[in-house]
Amino acid sequence: MTKVILLIVAVLVFFWLLRRALTGRKTGTAGPPGKGAAQPAPELVACAHCGVLLPRDEAISSQDGGAPAEGIYFCTQEHLKLGRR
C-alpha cells in the first residue's frame, strides 16, 4: 500500500515539475497584462506650479495654453493660468 502511495506522489511531483519547466519557457503575450514582459513606465513630468508628478500624456503643456515658455507642464488649467512658481 505504501509503495502505491509513494508511486502516486512521485508521479504527481514529476508532472508538477514538468509543468513548471514548460510554462517558464513560453514566449508570447497571450496572457493577461502584467504577466510576461514588463510595460515601460510612462515618462513623468512635474507641474511647474505645484510640483506634482504626472504622466506626460496627461499633463497640460505650456504650448497648449499659449504660455511663452516651451516644455513646461502643468497638472490643471488653473495652474496653467497661475503660471510658474
PDB file of N, CA and C in Angstrom:
ATOM      1  N   MET A   1       0.814  -1.190   0.000  1.00  0.00           N
ATOM      2  CA  MET A   1       0.000   0.000   0.000  1.00  0.00           C
ATOM      3  C   MET A   1       0.865   1.264   0.000  1.00  0.00           C
ATOM      4  N   THR A   2       1.921   1.277   0.803  1.00  0.00           N
ATOM      5  CA  THR A   2       2.783   2.453   0.863  1.00  0.00           C
ATOM      6  C   THR A   2       3.531   2.648  -0.449  1.00  0.00           C
ATOM      7  N   LYS A   3       3.833   1.541  -1.150  1.00  0.00           N
ATOM      8  CA  LYS A   3       4.517   1.666  -2.433  1.00  0.00           C
ATOM      9  C   LYS A   3       3.624   2.350  -3.465  1.00  0.00           C
ATOM     10  N   VAL A   4       2.345   2.062  -3.424  1.00  0.00           N
ATOM     11  CA  VAL A   4       1.400   2.673  -4.350  1.00  0.00           C
ATOM     12  C   VAL A   4       1.285   4.170  -4.067  1.00  0.00           C
ATOM     13  N   ILE A   5       1.204   4.533  -2.797  1.00  0.00           N
ATOM     14  CA  ILE A   5       1.107   5.945  -2.415  1.00  0.00           C
ATOM     15  C   ILE A   5       2.371   6.685  -2.826  1.00  0.00           C
ATOM     16  N   LEU A   6       3.535   6.098  -2.583  1.00  0.00           N
ATOM     17  CA  LEU A   6       4.798   6.724  -2.980  1.00  0.00           C
ATOM     18  C   LEU A   6       4.889   6.879  -4.496  1.00  0.00           C
ATOM     19  N   LEU A   7       4.407   5.897  -5.229  1.00  0.00           N
ATOM     20  CA  LEU A   7       4.413   5.974  -6.686  1.00  0.00           C
ATOM     21  C   LEU A   7       3.510   7.103  -7.178  1.00  0.00           C
ATOM     22  N   ILE A   8       2.339   7.235  -6.577  1.00  0.00           N
ATOM     23  CA  ILE A   8       1.415   8.305  -6.958  1.00  0.00           C
ATOM     24  C   ILE A   8       2.019   9.672  -6.640  1.00  0.00           C
ATOM     25  N   VAL A   9       2.625   9.813  -5.480  1.00  0.00           N
ATOM     26  CA  VAL A   9       3.264  11.074  -5.098  1.00  0.00           C
ATOM     27  C   VAL A   9       4.409  11.393  -6.057  1.00  0.00           C
ATOM     28  N   ALA A  10       5.207  10.405  -6.424  1.00  0.00           N
ATOM     29  CA  ALA A  10       6.324  10.615  -7.341  1.00  0.00           C
ATOM     30  C   ALA A  10       5.829  11.058  -8.717  1.00  0.00           C
ATOM     31  N   VAL A  11       4.750  10.448  -9.196  1.00  0.00           N
ATOM     32  CA  VAL A  11       4.191  10.832 -10.494  1.00  0.00           C
ATOM     33  C   VAL A  11       3.651  12.261 -10.446  1.00  0.00           C
ATOM     34  N   LEU A  12       2.967  12.625  -9.377  1.00  0.00           N
ATOM     35  CA  LEU A  12       2.439  13.976  -9.232  1.00  0.00           C
ATOM     36  C   LEU A  12       3.560  15.013  -9.188  1.00  0.00           C
ATOM     37  N   VAL A  13       4.611  14.719  -8.444  1.00  0.00           N
ATOM     38  CA  VAL A  13       5.757  15.631  -8.365  1.00  0.00           C
ATOM     39  C   VAL A  13       6.413  15.767  -9.734  1.00  0.00           C
ATOM     40  N   PHE A  14       6.541  14.664 -10.467  1.00  0.00           N
ATOM     41  CA  PHE A  14       7.140  14.690 -11.801  1.00  0.00           C
ATOM     42  C   PHE A  14       6.335  15.598 -12.733  1.00  0.00           C
ATOM     43  N   PHE A  15       5.009  15.436 -12.756  1.00  0.00           N
ATOM     44  CA  PHE A  15       4.185  16.259 -13.629  1.00  0.00           C
ATOM     45  C   PHE A  15       4.178  17.723 -13.199  1.00  0.00           C
ATOM     46  N   TRP A  16       4.225  17.955 -11.911  1.00  0.00           N
ATOM     47  CA  TRP A  16       4.281  19.326 -11.414  1.00  0.00           C
ATOM     48  C   TRP A  16       5.568  20.008 -11.867  1.00  0.00           C
ATOM     49  N   LEU A  17       6.708  19.305 -11.733  1.00  0.00           N
ATOM     50  CA  LEU A  17       7.982  19.869 -12.177  1.00  0.00           C
ATOM     51  C   LEU A  17       8.011  20.064 -13.693  1.00  0.00           C
ATOM     52  N   LEU A  18       7.462  19.124 -14.423  1.00  0.00           N
ATOM     53  CA  LEU A  18       7.408  19.225 -15.874  1.00  0.00           C
ATOM     54  C   LEU A  18       6.566  20.437 -16.291  1.00  0.00           C
ATOM     55  N   ARG A  19       5.456  20.630 -15.639  1.00  0.00           N
ATOM     56  CA  ARG A  19       4.587  21.768 -15.950  1.00  0.00           C
ATOM     57  C   ARG A  19       5.278  23.099 -15.665  1.00  0.00           C
ATOM     58  N   ARG A  20       5.974  23.195 -14.549  1.00  0.00           N
ATOM     59  CA  ARG A  20       6.713  24.418 -14.204  1.00  0.00           C
ATOM     60  C   ARG A  20       7.792  24.702 -15.218  1.00  0.00           C
ATOM     61  N   ALA A  21       8.484  23.651 -15.670  1.00  0.00           N
ATOM     62  CA  ALA A  21       9.559  23.835 -16.648  1.00  0.00           C
ATOM     63  C   ALA A  21       9.003  24.310 -17.988  1.00  0.00           C
ATOM     64  N   LEU A  22       7.870  23.783 -18.395  1.00  0.00           N
ATOM     65  CA  LEU A  22       7.300  24.157 -19.687  1.00  0.00           C
ATOM     66  C   LEU A  22       6.681  25.547 -19.669  1.00  0.00           C
ATOM     67  N   THR A  23       6.051  25.946 -18.583  1.00  0.00           N
ATOM     68  CA  THR A  23       5.442  27.274 -18.527  1.00  0.00           C
ATOM     69  C   THR A  23       6.499  28.356 -18.414  1.00  0.00           C
ATOM     70  N   GLY A  24       7.652  28.050 -17.887  1.00  0.00           N
ATOM     71  CA  GLY A  24       8.729  29.032 -17.801  1.00  0.00           C
ATOM     72  C   GLY A  24       9.343  29.324 -19.152  1.00  0.00           C
ATOM     73  N   ARG A  25       9.186  28.435 -20.125  1.00  0.00           N
ATOM     74  CA  ARG A  25       9.775  28.608 -21.448  1.00  0.00           C
ATOM     75  C   ARG A  25       8.841  29.269 -22.444  1.00  0.00           C
ATOM     76  N   LYS A  26       7.607  29.465 -22.098  1.00  0.00           N
ATOM     77  CA  LYS A  26       6.657  30.049 -23.032  1.00  0.00           C
ATOM     78  C   LYS A  26       7.077  31.465 -23.372  1.00  0.00           C
ATOM     79  N   THR A  27       6.920  31.819 -24.644  1.00  0.00           N
ATOM     80  CA  THR A  27       7.141  33.195 -25.061  1.00  0.00           C
ATOM     81  C   THR A  27       5.897  33.658 -25.777  1.00  0.00           C
ATOM     82  N   GLY A  28       5.632  34.925 -25.671  1.00  0.00           N
ATOM     83  CA  GLY A  28       4.429  35.477 -26.290  1.00  0.00           C
ATOM     84  C   GLY A  28       3.664  36.296 -25.279  1.00  0.00           C
ATOM     85  N   THR A  29       2.680  37.030 -25.781  1.00  0.00           N
ATOM     86  CA  THR A  29       1.909  37.908 -24.911  1.00  0.00           C
ATOM     87  C   THR A  29       0.442  37.521 -24.905  1.00  0.00           C
ATOM     88  N   ALA A  30       0.160  36.216 -24.937  1.00  0.00           N
ATOM     89  CA  ALA A  30      -1.226  35.767 -24.957  1.00  0.00           C
ATOM     90  C   ALA A  30      -1.898  35.919 -23.599  1.00  0.00           C
ATOM     91  N   GLY A  31      -1.128  36.038 -22.535  1.00  0.00           N
ATOM     92  CA  GLY A  31      -1.685  36.134 -21.194  1.00  0.00           C
ATOM     93  C   GLY A  31      -2.225  37.518 -20.894  1.00  0.00           C
ATOM     94  N   PRO A  32      -2.809  37.681 -19.735  1.00  0.00           N
ATOM     95  CA  PRO A  32      -3.339  38.985 -19.357  1.00  0.00           C
ATOM     96  C   PRO A  32      -2.207  39.978 -19.116  1.00  0.00           C
ATOM     97  N   PRO A  33      -2.497  41.295 -19.205  1.00  0.00           N
ATOM     98  CA  PRO A  33      -1.458  42.288 -18.958  1.00  0.00           C
ATOM     99  C   PRO A  33      -0.899  42.154 -17.552  1.00  0.00           C
ATOM    100  N   GLY A  34       0.353  42.481 -17.413  1.00  0.00           N
ATOM    101  CA  GLY A  34       1.003  42.374 -16.117  1.00  0.00           C
ATOM    102  C   GLY A  34       1.809  41.101 -15.987  1.00  0.00           C
ATOM    103  N   LYS A  35       1.595  40.155 -16.873  1.00  0.00           N
ATOM    104  CA  LYS A  35       2.370  38.931 -16.857  1.00  0.00           C
ATOM    105  C   LYS A  35       3.284  38.946 -18.061  1.00  0.00           C
ATOM    106  N   GLY A  36       4.464  38.403 -17.899  1.00  0.00           N
ATOM    107  CA  GLY A  36       5.409  38.371 -19.007  1.00  0.00           C
ATOM    108  C   GLY A  36       6.291  39.602 -18.967  1.00  0.00           C
ATOM    109  N   ALA A  37       6.521  40.188 -20.136  1.00  0.00           N
ATOM    110  CA  ALA A  37       7.398  41.353 -20.241  1.00  0.00           C
ATOM    111  C   ALA A  37       6.756  42.558 -19.556  1.00  0.00           C
ATOM    112  N   ALA A  38       7.573  43.317 -18.869  1.00  0.00           N
ATOM    113  CA  ALA A  38       7.088  44.494 -18.156  1.00  0.00           C
ATOM    114  C   ALA A  38       6.825  45.628 -19.141  1.00  0.00           C
ATOM    115  N   GLN A  39       5.780  46.382 -18.889  1.00  0.00           N
ATOM    116  CA  GLN A  39       5.459  47.536 -19.701  1.00  0.00           C
ATOM    117  C   GLN A  39       6.406  48.668 -19.327  1.00  0.00           C
ATOM    118  N   PRO A  40       6.865  49.458 -20.294  1.00  0.00           N
ATOM    119  CA  PRO A  40       7.727  50.585 -19.939  1.00  0.00           C
ATOM    120  C   PRO A  40       6.945  51.621 -19.140  1.00  0.00           C
ATOM    121  N   ALA A  41       7.588  52.203 -18.175  1.00  0.00           N
ATOM    122  CA  ALA A  41       6.930  53.206 -17.337  1.00  0.00           C
ATOM    123  C   ALA A  41       6.735  54.486 -18.142  1.00  0.00           C
ATOM    124  N   PRO A  42       5.597  55.153 -17.971  1.00  0.00           N
ATOM    125  CA  PRO A  42       5.378  56.403 -18.702  1.00  0.00           C
ATOM    126  C   PRO A  42       6.331  57.482 -18.189  1.00  0.00           C
ATOM    127  N   GLU A  43       6.679  58.388 -19.073  1.00  0.00           N
ATOM    128  CA  GLU A  43       7.563  59.485 -18.683  1.00  0.00           C
ATOM    129  C   GLU A  43       6.792  60.450 -17.788  1.00  0.00           C
ATOM    130  N   LEU A  44       7.364  60.768 -16.638  1.00  0.00           N
ATOM    131  CA  LEU A  44       6.720  61.660 -15.683  1.00  0.00           C
ATOM    132  C   LEU A  44       7.280  63.072 -15.833  1.00  0.00           C
ATOM    133  N   VAL A  45       6.411  64.048 -15.702  1.00  0.00           N
ATOM    134  CA  VAL A  45       6.813  65.448 -15.709  1.00  0.00           C
ATOM    135  C   VAL A  45       6.247  66.104 -14.457  1.00  0.00           C
ATOM    136  N   ALA A  46       6.873  67.163 -14.026  1.00  0.00           N
ATOM    137  CA  ALA A  46       6.434  67.876 -12.830  1.00  0.00           C
ATOM    138  C   ALA A  46       5.635  69.108 -13.225  1.00  0.00           C
ATOM    139  N   CYS A  47       4.585  69.353 -12.486  1.00  0.00           N
ATOM    140  CA  CYS A  47       3.808  70.577 -12.682  1.00  0.00           C
ATOM    141  C   CYS A  47       4.697  71.763 -12.286  1.00  0.00           C
ATOM    142  N   ALA A  48       4.751  72.776 -13.147  1.00  0.00           N
ATOM    143  CA  ALA A  48       5.609  73.929 -12.891  1.00  0.00           C
ATOM    144  C   ALA A  48       5.078  74.796 -11.744  1.00  0.00           C
ATOM    145  N   HIS A  49       3.827  74.606 -11.378  1.00  0.00           N
ATOM    146  CA  HIS A  49       3.257  75.416 -10.297  1.00  0.00           C
ATOM    147  C   HIS A  49       3.353  74.715  -8.937  1.00  0.00           C
ATOM    148  N   CYS A  50       2.889  73.450  -8.871  1.00  0.00           N
ATOM    149  CA  CYS A  50       2.822  72.775  -7.570  1.00  0.00           C
ATOM    150  C   CYS A  50       3.854  71.653  -7.419  1.00  0.00           C
ATOM    151  N   GLY A  51       4.445  71.197  -8.501  1.00  0.00           N
ATOM    152  CA  GLY A  51       5.472  70.162  -8.416  1.00  0.00           C
ATOM    153  C   GLY A  51       4.961  68.731  -8.436  1.00  0.00           C
ATOM    154  N   VAL A  52       3.662  68.534  -8.607  1.00  0.00           N
ATOM    155  CA  VAL A  52       3.095  67.191  -8.658  1.00  0.00           C
ATOM    156  C   VAL A  52       3.605  66.478  -9.905  1.00  0.00           C
ATOM    157  N   LEU A  53       3.994  65.201  -9.748  1.00  0.00           N
ATOM    158  CA  LEU A  53       4.428  64.402 -10.887  1.00  0.00           C
ATOM    159  C   LEU A  53       3.229  63.721 -11.521  1.00  0.00           C
ATOM    160  N   LEU A  54       3.167  63.775 -12.853  1.00  0.00           N
ATOM    161  CA  LEU A  54       2.097  63.111 -13.574  1.00  0.00           C
ATOM    162  C   LEU A  54       2.635  62.672 -14.939  1.00  0.00           C
ATOM    163  N   PRO A  55       1.974  61.680 -15.561  1.00  0.00           N
ATOM    164  CA  PRO A  55       2.429  61.230 -16.868  1.00  0.00           C
ATOM    165  C   PRO A  55       2.360  62.356 -17.896  1.00  0.00           C
ATOM    166  N   ARG A  56       3.333  62.366 -18.789  1.00  0.00           N
ATOM    167  CA  ARG A  56       3.423  63.447 -19.774  1.00  0.00           C
ATOM    168  C   ARG A  56       2.154  63.544 -20.630  1.00  0.00           C
ATOM    169  N   ASP A  57       1.563  62.395 -20.980  1.00  0.00           N
ATOM    170  CA  ASP A  57       0.383  62.437 -21.844  1.00  0.00           C
ATOM    171  C   ASP A  57      -0.859  62.979 -21.125  1.00  0.00           C
ATOM    172  N   GLU A  58      -0.851  63.049 -19.805  1.00  0.00           N
ATOM    173  CA  GLU A  58      -1.971  63.619 -19.054  1.00  0.00           C
ATOM    174  C   GLU A  58      -1.719  65.074 -18.665  1.00  0.00           C
ATOM    175  N   ALA A  59      -0.485  65.535 -18.818  1.00  0.00           N
ATOM    176  CA  ALA A  59      -0.131  66.893 -18.424  1.00  0.00           C
ATOM    177  C   ALA A  59      -0.582  67.888 -19.478  1.00  0.00           C
ATOM    178  N   ILE A  60      -0.764  69.137 -19.043  1.00  0.00           N
ATOM    179  CA  ILE A  60      -1.115  70.223 -19.946  1.00  0.00           C
ATOM    180  C   ILE A  60       0.173  70.964 -20.261  1.00  0.00           C
ATOM    181  N   SER A  61       0.520  71.000 -21.524  1.00  0.00           N
ATOM    182  CA  SER A  61       1.751  71.648 -21.949  1.00  0.00           C
ATOM    183  C   SER A  61       1.550  73.152 -21.977  1.00  0.00           C
ATOM    184  N   SER A  62       2.604  73.896 -21.720  1.00  0.00           N
ATOM    185  CA  SER A  62       2.500  75.351 -21.778  1.00  0.00           C
ATOM    186  C   SER A  62       2.216  75.801 -23.202  1.00  0.00           C
ATOM    187  N   GLN A  63       2.564  74.996 -24.186  1.00  0.00           N
ATOM    188  CA  GLN A  63       2.275  75.332 -25.581  1.00  0.00           C
ATOM    189  C   GLN A  63       0.771  75.280 -25.839  1.00  0.00           C
ATOM    190  N   ASP A  64       0.068  74.377 -25.153  1.00  0.00           N
ATOM    191  CA  ASP A  64      -1.378  74.248 -25.344  1.00  0.00           C
ATOM    192  C   ASP A  64      -2.116  75.500 -24.864  1.00  0.00           C
ATOM    193  N   GLY A  65      -1.625  76.097 -23.805  1.00  0.00           N
ATOM    194  CA  GLY A  65      -2.329  77.240 -23.219  1.00  0.00           C
ATOM    195  C   GLY A  65      -1.806  78.576 -23.673  1.00  0.00           C
ATOM    196  N   GLY A  66      -0.827  78.586 -24.552  1.00  0.00           N
ATOM    197  CA  GLY A  66      -0.311  79.842 -25.052  1.00  0.00           C
ATOM    198  C   GLY A  66       0.716  80.493 -24.139  1.00  0.00           C
ATOM    199  N   ALA A  67       1.228  79.778 -23.150  1.00  0.00           N
ATOM    200  CA  ALA A  67       2.268  80.331 -22.286  1.00  0.00           C
ATOM    201  C   ALA A  67       3.548  80.490 -23.104  1.00  0.00           C
ATOM    202  N   PRO A  68       4.384  81.447 -22.780  1.00  0.00           N
ATOM    203  CA  PRO A  68       5.545  81.738 -23.615  1.00  0.00           C
ATOM    204  C   PRO A  68       6.642  80.669 -23.605  1.00  0.00           C
ATOM    205  N   ALA A  69       6.859  80.006 -22.484  1.00  0.00           N
ATOM    206  CA  ALA A  69       7.960  79.048 -22.388  1.00  0.00           C
ATOM    207  C   ALA A  69       7.543  77.688 -22.926  1.00  0.00           C
ATOM    208  N   GLU A  70       8.453  77.012 -23.594  1.00  0.00           N
ATOM    209  CA  GLU A  70       8.174  75.684 -24.131  1.00  0.00           C
ATOM    210  C   GLU A  70       8.669  74.615 -23.169  1.00  0.00           C
ATOM    211  N   GLY A  71       8.042  73.447 -23.200  1.00  0.00           N
ATOM    212  CA  GLY A  71       8.495  72.325 -22.390  1.00  0.00           C
ATOM    213  C   GLY A  71       8.130  72.433 -20.926  1.00  0.00           C
ATOM    214  N   ILE A  72       7.209  73.308 -20.596  1.00  0.00           N
ATOM    215  CA  ILE A  72       6.755  73.455 -19.216  1.00  0.00           C
ATOM    216  C   ILE A  72       5.379  72.819 -19.134  1.00  0.00           C
ATOM    217  N   TYR A  73       5.154  72.014 -18.079  1.00  0.00           N
ATOM    218  CA  TYR A  73       3.907  71.271 -17.947  1.00  0.00           C
ATOM    219  C   TYR A  73       3.181  71.663 -16.669  1.00  0.00           C
ATOM    220  N   PHE A  74       1.860  71.559 -16.734  1.00  0.00           N
ATOM    221  CA  PHE A  74       1.006  71.864 -15.598  1.00  0.00           C
ATOM    222  C   PHE A  74       0.016  70.731 -15.403  1.00  0.00           C
ATOM    223  N   CYS A  75      -0.485  70.574 -14.172  1.00  0.00           N
ATOM    224  CA  CYS A  75      -1.416  69.482 -13.879  1.00  0.00           C
ATOM    225  C   CYS A  75      -2.858  69.866 -14.167  1.00  0.00           C
ATOM    226  N   THR A  76      -3.207  71.150 -14.089  1.00  0.00           N
ATOM    227  CA  THR A  76      -4.588  71.595 -14.347  1.00  0.00           C
ATOM    228  C   THR A  76      -4.561  72.911 -15.119  1.00  0.00           C
ATOM    229  N   GLN A  77      -5.715  73.284 -15.643  1.00  0.00           N
ATOM    230  CA  GLN A  77      -5.844  74.571 -16.345  1.00  0.00           C
ATOM    231  C   GLN A  77      -5.628  75.731 -15.370  1.00  0.00           C
ATOM    232  N   GLU A  78      -6.063  75.556 -14.127  1.00  0.00           N
ATOM    233  CA  GLU A  78      -5.871  76.613 -13.117  1.00  0.00           C
ATOM    234  C   GLU A  78      -4.392  76.904 -12.921  1.00  0.00           C
ATOM    235  N   HIS A  79      -3.607  75.853 -12.784  1.00  0.00           N
ATOM    236  CA  HIS A  79      -2.176  76.053 -12.576  1.00  0.00           C
ATOM    237  C   HIS A  79      -1.514  76.630 -13.822  1.00  0.00           C
ATOM    238  N   LEU A  80      -2.029  76.312 -14.987  1.00  0.00           N
ATOM    239  CA  LEU A  80      -1.527  76.912 -16.222  1.00  0.00           C
ATOM    240  C   LEU A  80      -1.772  78.411 -16.206  1.00  0.00           C
ATOM    241  N   LYS A  81      -2.978  78.818 -15.747  1.00  0.00           N
ATOM    242  CA  LYS A  81      -3.301  80.244 -15.676  1.00  0.00           C
ATOM    243  C   LYS A  81      -2.451  80.955 -14.630  1.00  0.00           C
ATOM    244  N   LEU A  82      -2.187  80.269 -13.496  1.00  0.00           N
ATOM    245  CA  LEU A  82      -1.391  80.882 -12.432  1.00  0.00           C
ATOM    246  C   LEU A  82       0.083  80.990 -12.811  1.00  0.00           C
ATOM    247  N   GLY A  83       0.547  80.107 -13.663  1.00  0.00           N
ATOM    248  CA  GLY A  83       1.933  80.159 -14.124  1.00  0.00           C
ATOM    249  C   GLY A  83       2.898  79.478 -13.184  1.00  0.00           C
ATOM    250  N   ARG A  84       4.193  79.655 -13.474  1.00  0.00           N
ATOM    251  CA  ARG A  84       5.252  79.032 -12.677  1.00  0.00           C
ATOM    252  C   ARG A  84       5.366  79.673 -11.324  1.00  0.00           C
ATOM    253  N   ARG A  85       5.853  78.904 -10.379  1.00  0.00           N
ATOM    254  CA  ARG A  85       6.140  79.428  -9.042  1.00  0.00           C
ATOM    255  C   ARG A  85       7.581  79.784  -8.936  1.00  0.00           C
TER     256      ARG A  85
END
